[in-house]
Each structure stands twice: as C-alpha cells, then as structure tokens.
Amino acid sequence: MAKLTIFDSVKKEKVLFEPIKNNDVKVYVCGPTVYDDSHLGHARSAIAFDLLHRVLKANGYNVTMTKNFTDIDDKIIKKMNESNRSLEDITSEYILKYKSDMEALNILPNSFEPKATENLQVMIDMIEDLMKKDIAYKISDGVYFDVSKDENYGSISHRASDENSIARVESNNEKRNPSDFALWKFEKQNDVAYNSPFGKGRPGWHIECSAMINEHLAYKDEAYQIDIHGGGADLLFPHHENEAAQTRCSTKAHLAKYWMHNGFVTIDGEKMSKSLGNSFFLKDILKSYSGEVVRFYLLTAQYRANFNFNEEDLISSKKRLDKLYRVKKRVYGLGKSAVNKEFKENILTALNDDLNTAKAISIIDEYINKANETLDKEPKNKNFKKELVATFEFINEIIGIGFNDAYKYFQFGISKEDIEKIESLIEKRTLAKKNKDFETADKIRDEISSLDVSIMDTPNGVVWEKL
C-alpha cells in the first residue's frame, strides 16, 4: 500500500504526510459561523475532511479532529437585532441544526468542537501578548495586528494583501498599514461586547482559531503546533494567512505543518428542479434526497476541484449508489468473513493519493459489477457473499457510504403507510404466483408500478425500490 500523500496548499504540490509526533495526528478545520442553516459549501468541506479523518484512521493514526463554531460575528449580531433574540438562542439553534445535517451526511464525531464565546480569555491573552511585543496596537475602534512586524506575512497564501477587500472596508487612517486587521473590535451601538484589559468589545474573526489551537491542541515543544489545518479554499486568504501570522508572532511556532483546502461549490440553476430551486441550503436538498446520496455525489469529484452541483448529475450519482445497495440486498442478513484483500489495497492506494475519490469510486463500481456477475453464476456461494458483507462494511468505514439498511435505503421519501401498502401488495402477488394465478399477479404488479415503485424478482425474493 502506498504511503499517504496530500496536496499542501502552501507548497502547492503533493507531499508525503509525516506526523509531527509518533502516530498521533492533530487536525483543525475551520467550522461554520452559526447564524443560518448549513449550505452546500459546509457539506463539501465537512465531507472532504471527514474523508481525511477516515483515511488517516485507516492508515493507523490516532486522530484528534477539531472543528470550531464561530458564535460571535457581525452576521449573528445583525440577526439578533432583526429578530430580537439572544445570541445564545440563535447560535444554539443553528449549532443543533448543523450537527443534525452532519449526522445525515455520516460525518464522524469530532474530538473537540470549541466555541468562540467559550474561549474569550485565551484570545484576550494572545492579544495582550502581541500588544506587549508592539506587534498589535490600539486605535479608536479596536486593536489591530501590524502585518509589517511579521517578515513571513504572505507565506501561507503567497499574497501579502488584497486590494479589493481593503478597498471595500471603510477607510481607517489610524491604521499603520492598509492590510492590518482587527484582533479586537471596540463596542458599537447595538453590539455584543465583553470586558477586556484594552477595552470593552469582541474578538475579530482570525484570532479565535489561533488562540483556540494554541490552548487546546498545540504541541508546545515543536516547530509546528498541529499537523494539518484545513478549510474551504476561500479561507486561505486572508483568514488562514492571518491565523498563521498571529501564531508565529505570539508563540514563535508555525501554526500547522500542512495546509489543506477544499474547492468551491456552485449551483447550476438550469439543471435544478423546481422542488430544489436554486437553493444552496442543505435542508432543502435533504427533503428530496438522502444525506448519503448527497455525500456520495460530492465525493465523485476530487476534494480540491471546484464542484458544479446540479440535479441531473445528482440523479446519475444516485443510480451508481443504487447498484451498491442492490448487491447489498442480495446478501441481506448474512454474516461476514474477511474483506477482499485486493479491493482493500486498491481503495487505500487510491485514497492515499491525496484522497482520490474519483478513482476509489471507480474501483467500487468495478467491484459491484463483478459481484453481480459472481452472484448470478454462483448464487449459493456463501463464502463470496460473506466476503461481500465484510467489504461493504469496509466501504462504509473508509468512505462513509453503504451504511444504511439495504431495504430502507430504497424507501427514502415514501411514507410509512405507503410502505405497508406496497409490501401488502407484494405479498398478495407472491401468493398469486404460487397459486399459478399469473393474471392476478400481473394486475398487482401493474398496481405497484402505478405507485412509482419498481419490483424485481431475485433468488432471495422480491425486492422493490422507489423510481
């Protein structure tokens, strides 16, 4: 099996992954700002780094997976003022919704999920440290980081400034440099504010990740604080650049040994149904498609590539997943033996090549096709069937798909009442066939078909699925 290589966003090339210490791997992924429902961008990032989590575990590493919640932010405050709700009321609602969506996508639990509001003191401590070193300075509207004091500023993103974003920000002539960014924002009208030695206010966005990593994850005696820092491609600059600068200047250590970023998601409005509209919200897509189908679809492209989400491709992707579950039905209820060694080796080799899911899924497709052929030729081959059961379990473990009950998977979107009706009709049709009353059996089949359900006669009995 090939060793794990990942694309490092700083070096802009694939590199061999080697942990900082022993067999332990510390990963920090920038999480959501909790003021609204999860969208496809959140799903893409969560799935990409969940896959990394699984692949690291499959390689035998002990993984500490951390994702933060930004629960103090301009957008949250705006929502508070518009809705007359408390900060905690709003953020706790959307954290619960986010976690529910992640569960639907089969995301592994995180080791830590720190919140910004629960880590204010560690942020204040880091800001005070930077102020003592004259790397941070106070002006009328807050405390700022002086980028000119960091000789390595720009080394993460290979960008020292963004003239467009600077131009959009309200001009502040008190700043030492146009690129200087806020570490602490002083209280304004209708604001949320906390006490600090340098004035009442709230933290800037960038400081929370640096401070929380330093407090909860960092190796204190190494050149790098954590192994991998991840997030969406849009966070590379300025967010991750600023995080890295704060950590370097405060602790003299580098924030992360490796930096990984997932690509953007866009929506093709021409290929989205009226039911989905052009909604970017995950909750709207999950009404029509299971979380597993969405996960599988988003995994069909390599995590670094930009992803154009459209319903035609989503449906095509679902059909590929359906094939896996049809085979799973054929071995339903059987015990397992050992995973197919060659298959496991091939999957791990693909995923160890910078999480090459397109290759891994093509290997699964080929295995499923061969499994069907073998089951057709050797329907009584119990050893092969038990190998299949074990292999499906491995696919779930490493890629996070195939985890549903083989029958319930095909019943997504069908009411309990309709499921009972369909299964009653199938029983009547089976009885009619047993009595050689094929005319009645055909009529019942037509009735079932009118419910937008397809039935198939297999050696293991009748199986059915929603069209």
Protein backbone atom coordinates (compact mmCIF):
# COMPACT_ATOMS: atom_id res chain seq x y z
CA MET A 1 0.00 0.00 0.00
CA ALA A 2 1.35 3.41 -0.99
CA LYS A 3 2.01 5.91 1.80
CA LEU A 4 -0.37 8.84 2.29
CA THR A 5 0.35 11.92 0.21
CA ILE A 6 -1.64 15.16 0.45
CA PHE A 7 -1.66 18.38 -1.52
CA ASP A 8 -0.13 21.12 0.61
CA SER A 9 -1.73 24.48 -0.22
CA VAL A 10 1.40 26.38 0.83
CA LYS A 11 3.90 24.33 -1.19
CA LYS A 12 1.32 23.91 -3.97
CA GLU A 13 2.29 20.29 -4.52
CA LYS A 14 1.61 16.79 -3.25
CA VAL A 15 3.81 15.90 -0.30
CA LEU A 16 4.34 12.77 1.75
CA PHE A 17 2.40 13.03 5.01
CA GLU A 18 4.53 12.50 8.11
CA PRO A 19 3.06 13.31 11.55
CA ILE A 20 4.87 15.66 13.91
CA LYS A 21 4.92 13.17 16.77
CA ASN A 22 4.70 9.39 16.86
CA ASN A 23 1.45 8.06 15.42
CA ASP A 24 -0.70 10.98 16.55
CA VAL A 25 -2.31 13.42 14.13
CA LYS A 26 -3.88 16.71 15.16
CA VAL A 27 -6.29 18.25 12.64
CA TYR A 28 -8.12 21.57 12.93
CA VAL A 29 -10.81 22.50 10.40
CA CYS A 30 -12.50 25.90 10.33
CA GLY A 31 -16.16 25.34 11.11
CA PRO A 32 -19.31 27.35 10.39
CA THR A 33 -20.42 30.77 11.57
CA VAL A 34 -23.72 29.76 13.18
CA TYR A 35 -26.28 32.35 12.11
CA ASP A 36 -28.16 30.37 9.43
CA ASP A 37 -28.80 26.88 8.05
CA SER A 38 -25.99 24.78 6.61
CA HIS A 39 -25.37 25.11 2.88
CA LEU A 40 -23.63 23.00 0.25
CA GLY A 41 -20.31 24.69 0.95
CA HIS A 42 -20.49 23.47 4.55
CA ALA A 43 -21.37 19.97 3.32
CA ARG A 44 -18.45 19.90 0.86
CA SER A 45 -15.90 20.93 3.47
CA ALA A 46 -17.30 18.60 6.13
CA ILE A 47 -17.27 15.60 3.77
CA ALA A 48 -13.77 16.37 2.47
CA PHE A 49 -12.23 16.50 5.94
CA ASP A 50 -14.34 13.61 7.21
CA LEU A 51 -12.78 11.57 4.40
CA LEU A 52 -9.33 12.73 5.53
CA HIS A 53 -10.26 11.67 9.09
CA ARG A 54 -11.26 8.20 7.86
CA VAL A 55 -8.18 7.76 5.67
CA LEU A 56 -5.84 8.80 8.49
CA LYS A 57 -7.53 6.25 10.78
CA ALA A 58 -7.26 3.57 8.08
CA ASN A 59 -3.52 4.28 7.96
CA GLY A 60 -3.30 3.52 11.67
CA TYR A 61 -3.04 7.06 13.03
CA ASN A 62 -4.62 8.28 16.27
CA VAL A 63 -6.60 11.29 15.08
CA THR A 64 -7.64 14.32 17.11
CA MET A 65 -10.22 16.04 14.92
CA THR A 66 -11.25 19.57 15.88
CA LYS A 67 -13.83 21.87 14.27
CA ASN A 68 -14.80 25.19 15.81
CA PHE A 69 -18.06 27.10 15.90
CA THR A 70 -17.85 30.85 15.32
CA ASP A 71 -20.67 32.01 17.59
CA ILE A 72 -19.87 35.72 17.73
CA ASP A 73 -19.85 37.63 14.44
CA ASP A 74 -21.37 40.62 12.59
CA LYS A 75 -23.97 38.38 10.89
CA ILE A 76 -25.07 36.86 14.20
CA ILE A 77 -25.42 40.32 15.75
CA LYS A 78 -27.42 41.50 12.73
CA LYS A 79 -29.77 38.54 13.19
CA MET A 80 -30.10 39.31 16.91
CA ASN A 81 -31.14 42.89 16.18
CA GLU A 82 -33.57 41.85 13.44
CA SER A 83 -35.20 39.01 15.38
CA ASN A 84 -34.95 40.35 18.94
CA ARG A 85 -33.44 37.01 20.01
CA SER A 86 -30.40 36.42 22.22
CA LEU A 87 -27.02 35.40 20.83
CA GLU A 88 -27.16 32.08 22.64
CA ASP A 89 -30.69 31.38 21.39
CA ILE A 90 -29.67 31.92 17.75
CA THR A 91 -26.31 30.14 17.85
CA SER A 92 -27.51 27.11 19.84
CA GLU A 93 -30.35 26.62 17.32
CA TYR A 94 -28.02 26.63 14.33
CA ILE A 95 -25.36 24.51 16.02
CA LEU A 96 -28.01 21.82 16.62
CA LYS A 97 -29.21 22.09 13.02
CA TYR A 98 -25.65 21.89 11.72
CA LYS A 99 -24.95 18.77 13.80
CA SER A 100 -28.16 17.16 12.54
CA ASP A 101 -27.13 17.85 8.93
CA MET A 102 -23.67 16.41 9.60
CA GLU A 103 -25.24 13.27 11.02
CA ALA A 104 -27.33 12.90 7.85
CA LEU A 105 -24.08 13.14 5.83
CA ASN A 106 -22.48 10.42 8.02
CA ILE A 107 -19.74 12.70 9.34
CA LEU A 108 -17.66 11.11 12.11
CA PRO A 109 -17.87 12.87 15.51
CA ASN A 110 -15.17 15.46 16.22
CA SER A 111 -12.80 15.17 19.17
CA PHE A 112 -13.33 18.84 20.08
CA GLU A 113 -15.83 21.48 18.99
CA PRO A 114 -14.74 24.71 20.70
CA LYS A 115 -16.93 27.81 20.56
CA ALA A 116 -15.52 31.32 20.27
CA THR A 117 -17.62 32.65 23.18
CA GLU A 118 -16.24 29.95 25.49
CA ASN A 119 -12.63 30.88 24.67
CA LEU A 120 -12.60 34.65 25.07
CA GLN A 121 -9.92 34.66 27.77
CA VAL A 122 -7.39 32.74 25.66
CA MET A 123 -8.00 35.22 22.82
CA ILE A 124 -7.52 38.17 25.19
CA ASP A 125 -4.29 36.59 26.47
CA MET A 126 -2.88 36.23 22.96
CA ILE A 127 -3.85 39.80 22.04
CA GLU A 128 -2.19 41.13 25.22
CA ASP A 129 0.96 39.20 24.34
CA LEU A 130 1.03 40.70 20.83
CA MET A 131 0.45 44.19 22.25
CA LYS A 132 3.39 43.82 24.68
CA LYS A 133 5.59 42.98 21.70
CA ASP A 134 4.27 46.02 19.76
CA ILE A 135 3.00 43.65 17.06
CA ALA A 136 -0.54 44.68 17.96
CA TYR A 137 -1.63 48.25 18.64
CA LYS A 138 -4.72 50.08 19.84
CA ILE A 139 -6.60 52.77 17.92
CA SER A 140 -10.04 54.35 18.31
CA ASP A 141 -12.12 51.42 17.02
CA GLY A 142 -10.11 48.46 18.25
CA VAL A 143 -6.83 46.55 18.49
CA TYR A 144 -5.04 45.74 15.23
CA PHE A 145 -2.27 43.40 14.09
CA ASP A 146 0.66 45.16 12.42
CA VAL A 147 1.45 42.97 9.39
CA SER A 148 4.74 44.81 8.78
CA LYS A 149 6.10 43.28 12.02
CA ASP A 150 5.78 39.76 10.55
CA GLU A 151 8.51 39.20 7.98
CA ASN A 152 6.79 35.97 6.88
CA TYR A 153 3.39 37.57 6.26
CA GLY A 154 2.09 36.25 2.94
CA SER A 155 3.98 32.94 3.14
CA ILE A 156 0.81 30.84 3.53
CA SER A 157 -1.29 32.22 0.67
CA HIS A 158 1.60 33.82 -1.28
CA ARG A 159 -0.40 37.04 -1.09
CA ALA A 160 0.53 39.96 1.11
CA SER A 161 -2.69 41.92 0.57
CA ASP A 162 -6.00 42.01 -1.22
CA GLU A 163 -6.53 45.48 -2.63
CA ASN A 164 -10.16 44.73 -3.48
CA SER A 165 -11.10 43.67 0.05
CA ILE A 166 -9.13 46.59 1.54
CA ALA A 167 -11.00 48.98 -0.75
CA ARG A 168 -14.33 47.56 0.41
CA VAL A 169 -13.51 48.11 4.08
CA GLU A 170 -14.28 51.54 5.47
CA SER A 171 -11.10 53.60 5.33
CA ASN A 172 -9.32 53.95 8.65
CA ASN A 173 -6.41 56.40 8.54
CA GLU A 174 -5.32 55.44 12.06
CA LYS A 175 -4.08 52.02 10.91
CA ARG A 176 -0.34 51.69 10.48
CA ASN A 177 -0.75 49.68 7.26
CA PRO A 178 -3.78 49.19 4.97
CA SER A 179 -3.51 45.39 5.41
CA ASP A 180 -3.56 45.48 9.23
CA PHE A 181 -6.50 43.51 10.59
CA ALA A 182 -8.64 43.67 13.72
CA LEU A 183 -7.85 41.48 16.70
CA TRP A 184 -10.45 43.13 18.94
CA LYS A 185 -13.36 45.38 17.89
CA PHE A 186 -14.50 48.01 20.37
CA GLU A 187 -18.19 48.17 21.28
CA LYS A 188 -20.56 49.99 18.93
CA GLN A 189 -24.30 50.66 19.12
CA ASN A 190 -26.50 47.50 19.19
CA ASP A 191 -23.37 45.40 19.59
CA VAL A 192 -22.35 42.43 21.72
CA ALA A 193 -19.41 43.28 23.95
CA TYR A 194 -17.17 41.66 26.54
CA ASN A 195 -14.75 43.17 29.04
CA SER A 196 -11.04 43.14 28.31
CA PRO A 197 -7.94 45.00 29.63
CA PHE A 198 -7.77 47.01 26.39
CA GLY A 199 -11.45 47.96 26.20
CA LYS A 200 -14.96 46.55 26.01
CA GLY A 201 -15.69 44.83 22.72
CA ARG A 202 -15.45 41.48 20.95
CA PRO A 203 -12.80 39.45 19.15
CA GLY A 204 -12.00 39.69 15.47
CA TRP A 205 -12.61 36.56 13.41
CA HIS A 206 -8.99 35.49 12.85
CA ILE A 207 -7.84 35.47 16.48
CA GLU A 208 -10.28 32.78 17.62
CA CYS A 209 -8.66 29.92 15.66
CA SER A 210 -5.07 30.85 16.60
CA ALA A 211 -5.95 31.19 20.28
CA MET A 212 -8.05 28.00 20.46
CA ILE A 213 -5.44 25.89 18.66
CA ASN A 214 -2.75 27.24 21.00
CA GLU A 215 -4.91 26.46 24.03
CA HIS A 216 -6.45 23.09 23.16
CA LEU A 217 -4.27 21.36 20.55
CA ALA A 218 -0.79 22.81 20.20
CA TYR A 219 2.43 20.93 20.73
CA LYS A 220 4.37 23.34 22.95
CA ASP A 221 7.82 21.91 22.21
CA GLU A 222 7.69 21.51 18.43
CA ALA A 223 8.27 23.72 15.39
CA TYR A 224 4.62 23.20 14.37
CA GLN A 225 1.62 23.40 16.67
CA ILE A 226 -0.60 20.93 14.77
CA ASP A 227 -0.25 18.54 11.84
CA ILE A 228 -2.99 19.70 9.48
CA HIS A 229 -5.08 22.86 9.23
CA GLY A 230 -8.00 22.69 6.81
CA GLY A 231 -10.91 24.65 5.43
CA GLY A 232 -12.52 25.95 2.27
CA ALA A 233 -10.36 27.50 -0.46
CA ASP A 234 -11.90 30.91 0.32
CA LEU A 235 -10.26 30.84 3.77
CA LEU A 236 -6.67 30.67 2.51
CA PHE A 237 -6.53 34.46 2.36
CA PRO A 238 -6.97 36.41 4.49
CA HIS A 239 -8.22 34.10 7.27
CA HIS A 240 -5.54 31.42 7.30
CA GLU A 241 -2.80 33.88 6.43
CA ASN A 242 -3.78 36.00 9.43
CA GLU A 243 -4.10 33.00 11.73
CA ALA A 244 -0.60 31.86 10.81
CA ALA A 245 0.83 35.35 11.39
CA GLN A 246 -0.75 35.67 14.85
CA THR A 247 0.57 32.28 15.94
CA ARG A 248 4.09 32.85 14.57
CA CYS A 249 4.40 36.23 16.27
CA SER A 250 2.92 35.14 19.59
CA THR A 251 4.35 31.64 20.06
CA LYS A 252 7.40 31.55 17.74
CA ALA A 253 5.98 28.29 16.32
CA HIS A 254 4.35 27.62 12.97
CA LEU A 255 0.62 27.00 13.19
CA ALA A 256 0.44 23.87 11.01
CA LYS A 257 2.83 21.54 9.22
CA TYR A 258 0.36 21.02 6.35
CA TRP A 259 -2.44 23.18 4.96
CA MET A 260 -5.35 21.62 3.04
CA HIS A 261 -8.25 23.36 1.28
CA ASN A 262 -11.36 22.04 -0.43
CA GLY A 263 -12.80 23.56 -3.63
CA PHE A 264 -15.89 25.71 -4.02
CA VAL A 265 -19.44 24.56 -4.78
CA THR A 266 -21.51 26.37 -7.41
CA ILE A 267 -25.09 25.67 -8.41
CA ASP A 268 -26.16 25.14 -11.99
CA GLY A 269 -29.60 26.75 -11.90
CA GLU A 270 -30.56 25.36 -15.31
CA LYS A 271 -30.22 21.83 -14.01
CA MET A 272 -32.02 22.20 -10.71
CA SER A 273 -35.64 21.14 -10.36
CA LYS A 274 -38.43 23.43 -9.18
CA SER A 275 -38.57 21.48 -5.92
CA LEU A 276 -34.93 22.27 -5.18
CA GLY A 277 -34.92 25.62 -6.92
CA ASN A 278 -31.51 27.22 -6.77
CA SER A 279 -31.30 26.64 -3.05
CA PHE A 280 -27.85 26.42 -1.58
CA PHE A 281 -29.30 25.16 1.72
CA LEU A 282 -28.65 21.55 2.58
CA LYS A 283 -32.02 21.23 4.37
CA ASP A 284 -33.87 21.80 1.07
CA ILE A 285 -31.88 19.13 -0.79
CA LEU A 286 -32.31 16.65 2.09
CA LYS A 287 -36.09 16.82 1.64
CA SER A 288 -35.73 15.17 -1.77
CA TYR A 289 -32.52 13.15 -1.40
CA SER A 290 -30.94 11.29 1.50
CA GLY A 291 -27.78 12.62 3.10
CA GLU A 292 -25.94 9.54 1.86
CA VAL A 293 -26.83 10.33 -1.77
CA VAL A 294 -25.61 13.91 -1.33
CA ARG A 295 -22.40 12.64 0.30
CA PHE A 296 -21.75 10.14 -2.49
CA TYR A 297 -22.38 12.78 -5.17
CA LEU A 298 -20.00 15.28 -3.55
CA LEU A 299 -17.33 12.56 -3.31
CA THR A 300 -17.41 11.84 -7.04
CA ALA A 301 -15.06 14.79 -7.65
CA GLN A 302 -11.64 15.18 -6.02
CA TYR A 303 -11.96 17.40 -2.94
CA ARG A 304 -9.70 20.18 -4.29
CA ALA A 305 -11.70 20.63 -7.51
CA ASN A 306 -14.49 23.17 -7.75
CA PHE A 307 -17.86 21.41 -7.86
CA ASN A 308 -20.82 22.40 -10.06
CA PHE A 309 -23.87 20.99 -8.28
CA ASN A 310 -26.82 20.11 -10.50
CA GLU A 311 -29.72 17.72 -10.16
CA GLU A 312 -29.04 15.74 -13.33
CA ASP A 313 -25.64 14.69 -12.04
CA LEU A 314 -27.06 14.10 -8.57
CA ILE A 315 -29.60 11.64 -10.02
CA SER A 316 -26.88 9.90 -12.09
CA SER A 317 -24.75 9.62 -8.98
CA LYS A 318 -27.69 8.15 -7.02
CA LYS A 319 -28.06 5.43 -9.67
CA ARG A 320 -24.43 4.42 -9.07
CA LEU A 321 -25.10 4.19 -5.35
CA ASP A 322 -28.32 2.25 -6.02
CA LYS A 323 -26.24 -0.50 -7.67
CA LEU A 324 -24.23 -0.95 -4.49
CA TYR A 325 -27.41 -1.30 -2.45
CA ARG A 326 -28.94 -3.79 -4.89
CA VAL A 327 -25.95 -6.06 -4.29
CA LYS A 328 -26.24 -5.39 -0.58
CA LYS A 329 -29.82 -6.63 -0.78
CA ARG A 330 -28.60 -9.87 -2.33
CA VAL A 331 -26.51 -10.65 0.76
CA TYR A 332 -29.02 -9.26 3.26
CA GLY A 333 -28.92 -10.81 6.72
CA LEU A 334 -25.75 -12.83 6.20
CA GLY A 335 -22.72 -12.82 8.49
CA LYS A 336 -19.35 -11.52 7.33
CA SER A 337 -15.94 -13.06 6.71
CA ALA A 338 -12.86 -11.05 5.64
CA VAL A 339 -12.65 -8.04 3.32
CA ASN A 340 -11.43 -8.75 -0.21
CA LYS A 341 -7.68 -8.02 0.16
CA GLU A 342 -7.07 -6.81 -3.37
CA PHE A 343 -10.07 -4.48 -3.22
CA LYS A 344 -8.98 -3.04 0.13
CA GLU A 345 -5.43 -2.49 -1.14
CA ASN A 346 -6.68 -0.75 -4.29
CA ILE A 347 -9.07 1.54 -2.39
CA LEU A 348 -6.42 2.57 0.15
CA THR A 349 -3.87 3.19 -2.61
CA ALA A 350 -6.34 5.49 -4.39
CA LEU A 351 -7.29 7.38 -1.24
CA ASN A 352 -3.69 7.66 -0.09
CA ASP A 353 -3.07 9.57 -3.32
CA ASP A 354 -4.42 12.89 -1.97
CA LEU A 355 -7.89 11.44 -1.31
CA ASN A 356 -8.54 10.42 -4.92
CA THR A 357 -12.24 9.59 -4.52
CA ALA A 358 -12.94 9.52 -8.26
CA LYS A 359 -10.50 6.61 -8.56
CA ALA A 360 -11.79 4.93 -5.39
CA ILE A 361 -15.40 5.10 -6.55
CA SER A 362 -14.49 3.67 -9.97
CA ILE A 363 -12.87 0.73 -8.11
CA ILE A 364 -16.12 0.27 -6.15
CA ASP A 365 -18.17 0.39 -9.39
CA GLU A 366 -15.99 -2.33 -10.92
CA TYR A 367 -16.20 -4.48 -7.79
CA ILE A 368 -20.01 -4.16 -7.72
CA ASN A 369 -20.27 -5.22 -11.39
CA LYS A 370 -18.09 -8.27 -10.77
CA ALA A 371 -20.06 -9.09 -7.60
CA ASN A 372 -23.30 -9.19 -9.59
CA GLU A 373 -21.74 -11.49 -12.18
CA THR A 374 -20.42 -13.86 -9.48
CA LEU A 375 -23.77 -13.91 -7.64
CA ASP A 376 -25.59 -14.69 -10.90
CA LYS A 377 -23.20 -17.55 -11.71
CA GLU A 378 -22.80 -18.85 -8.17
CA PRO A 379 -25.98 -17.95 -6.23
CA LYS A 380 -25.13 -20.45 -3.46
CA ASN A 381 -21.55 -19.27 -2.91
CA LYS A 382 -21.83 -18.36 0.79
CA ASN A 383 -18.12 -17.60 1.19
CA PHE A 384 -18.29 -14.93 -1.50
CA LYS A 385 -21.48 -13.50 -0.02
CA LYS A 386 -19.85 -13.20 3.42
CA GLU A 387 -16.84 -11.51 1.81
CA LEU A 388 -19.24 -9.01 0.25
CA VAL A 389 -20.81 -8.22 3.63
CA ALA A 390 -17.34 -7.53 5.09
CA THR A 391 -16.34 -5.46 2.08
CA PHE A 392 -19.47 -3.29 2.32
CA GLU A 393 -18.61 -2.67 5.96
CA PHE A 394 -15.11 -1.57 4.92
CA ILE A 395 -16.53 0.79 2.26
CA ASN A 396 -18.65 2.46 4.94
CA GLU A 397 -15.66 2.66 7.28
CA ILE A 398 -13.29 4.25 4.75
CA ILE A 399 -15.61 6.30 2.51
CA GLY A 400 -18.73 6.64 4.64
CA ILE A 401 -21.23 5.20 2.16
CA GLY A 402 -23.27 2.00 2.21
CA PHE A 403 -24.17 2.41 5.89
CA ASN A 404 -27.95 2.23 5.51
CA ASP A 405 -30.15 -0.83 5.75
CA ALA A 406 -30.35 -2.27 2.23
CA TYR A 407 -34.15 -2.12 2.15
CA LYS A 408 -34.70 1.16 3.95
CA TYR A 409 -32.30 2.89 1.55
CA PHE A 410 -34.77 2.35 -1.30
CA GLN A 411 -37.70 3.53 0.79
CA PHE A 412 -36.44 7.11 1.25
CA GLY A 413 -39.23 9.61 0.67
CA ILE A 414 -42.02 7.04 0.95
CA SER A 415 -44.47 7.34 3.85
CA LYS A 416 -44.87 4.53 6.36
CA GLU A 417 -48.44 3.99 5.15
CA ASP A 418 -47.34 3.61 1.53
CA ILE A 419 -44.56 1.19 2.51
CA GLU A 420 -47.11 -1.01 4.28
CA LYS A 421 -49.42 -0.85 1.24
CA ILE A 422 -46.63 -1.81 -1.19
CA GLU A 423 -45.44 -4.72 0.95
CA SER A 424 -49.01 -5.98 1.31
CA LEU A 425 -49.42 -5.93 -2.49
CA ILE A 426 -46.10 -7.78 -2.93
CA GLU A 427 -47.31 -10.50 -0.54
CA LYS A 428 -50.57 -10.85 -2.50
CA ARG A 429 -48.64 -11.04 -5.80
CA THR A 430 -46.28 -13.69 -4.36
CA LEU A 431 -49.29 -15.75 -3.24
CA ALA A 432 -50.97 -15.37 -6.65
CA LYS A 433 -47.80 -16.58 -8.41
CA LYS A 434 -47.52 -19.51 -6.00
CA ASN A 435 -51.10 -20.45 -6.94
CA LYS A 436 -50.18 -20.00 -10.63
CA ASP A 437 -52.73 -17.19 -10.92
CA PHE A 438 -50.47 -15.17 -13.21
CA GLU A 439 -53.25 -12.86 -14.43
CA THR A 440 -53.85 -11.59 -10.86
CA ALA A 441 -50.08 -11.42 -10.26
CA ASP A 442 -49.64 -9.21 -13.34
CA LYS A 443 -52.50 -6.93 -12.29
CA ILE A 444 -50.95 -6.49 -8.85
CA ARG A 445 -47.59 -5.75 -10.46
CA ASP A 446 -49.24 -3.01 -12.55
CA GLU A 447 -50.86 -1.58 -9.41
CA ILE A 448 -47.47 -1.49 -7.70
CA SER A 449 -45.90 0.19 -10.72
CA SER A 450 -48.60 2.89 -10.61
CA LEU A 451 -47.19 3.86 -7.19
CA ASP A 452 -43.86 4.79 -8.88
CA VAL A 453 -42.26 1.65 -7.49
CA SER A 454 -40.18 -0.93 -9.34
CA ILE A 455 -40.18 -4.55 -8.17
CA MET A 456 -37.61 -7.21 -9.03
CA ASP A 457 -37.73 -10.96 -8.56
CA THR A 458 -34.38 -12.24 -7.25
CA PRO A 459 -33.14 -15.58 -5.86
CA ASN A 460 -33.56 -14.00 -2.42
CA GLY A 461 -37.14 -12.99 -3.05
CA VAL A 462 -38.86 -9.86 -4.31
CA VAL A 463 -37.09 -6.53 -3.82
CA TRP A 464 -38.52 -3.12 -4.55
CA GLU A 465 -37.45 0.46 -4.84
CA LYS A 466 -38.81 3.93 -5.50
CA LEU A 467 -38.42 5.07 -9.10
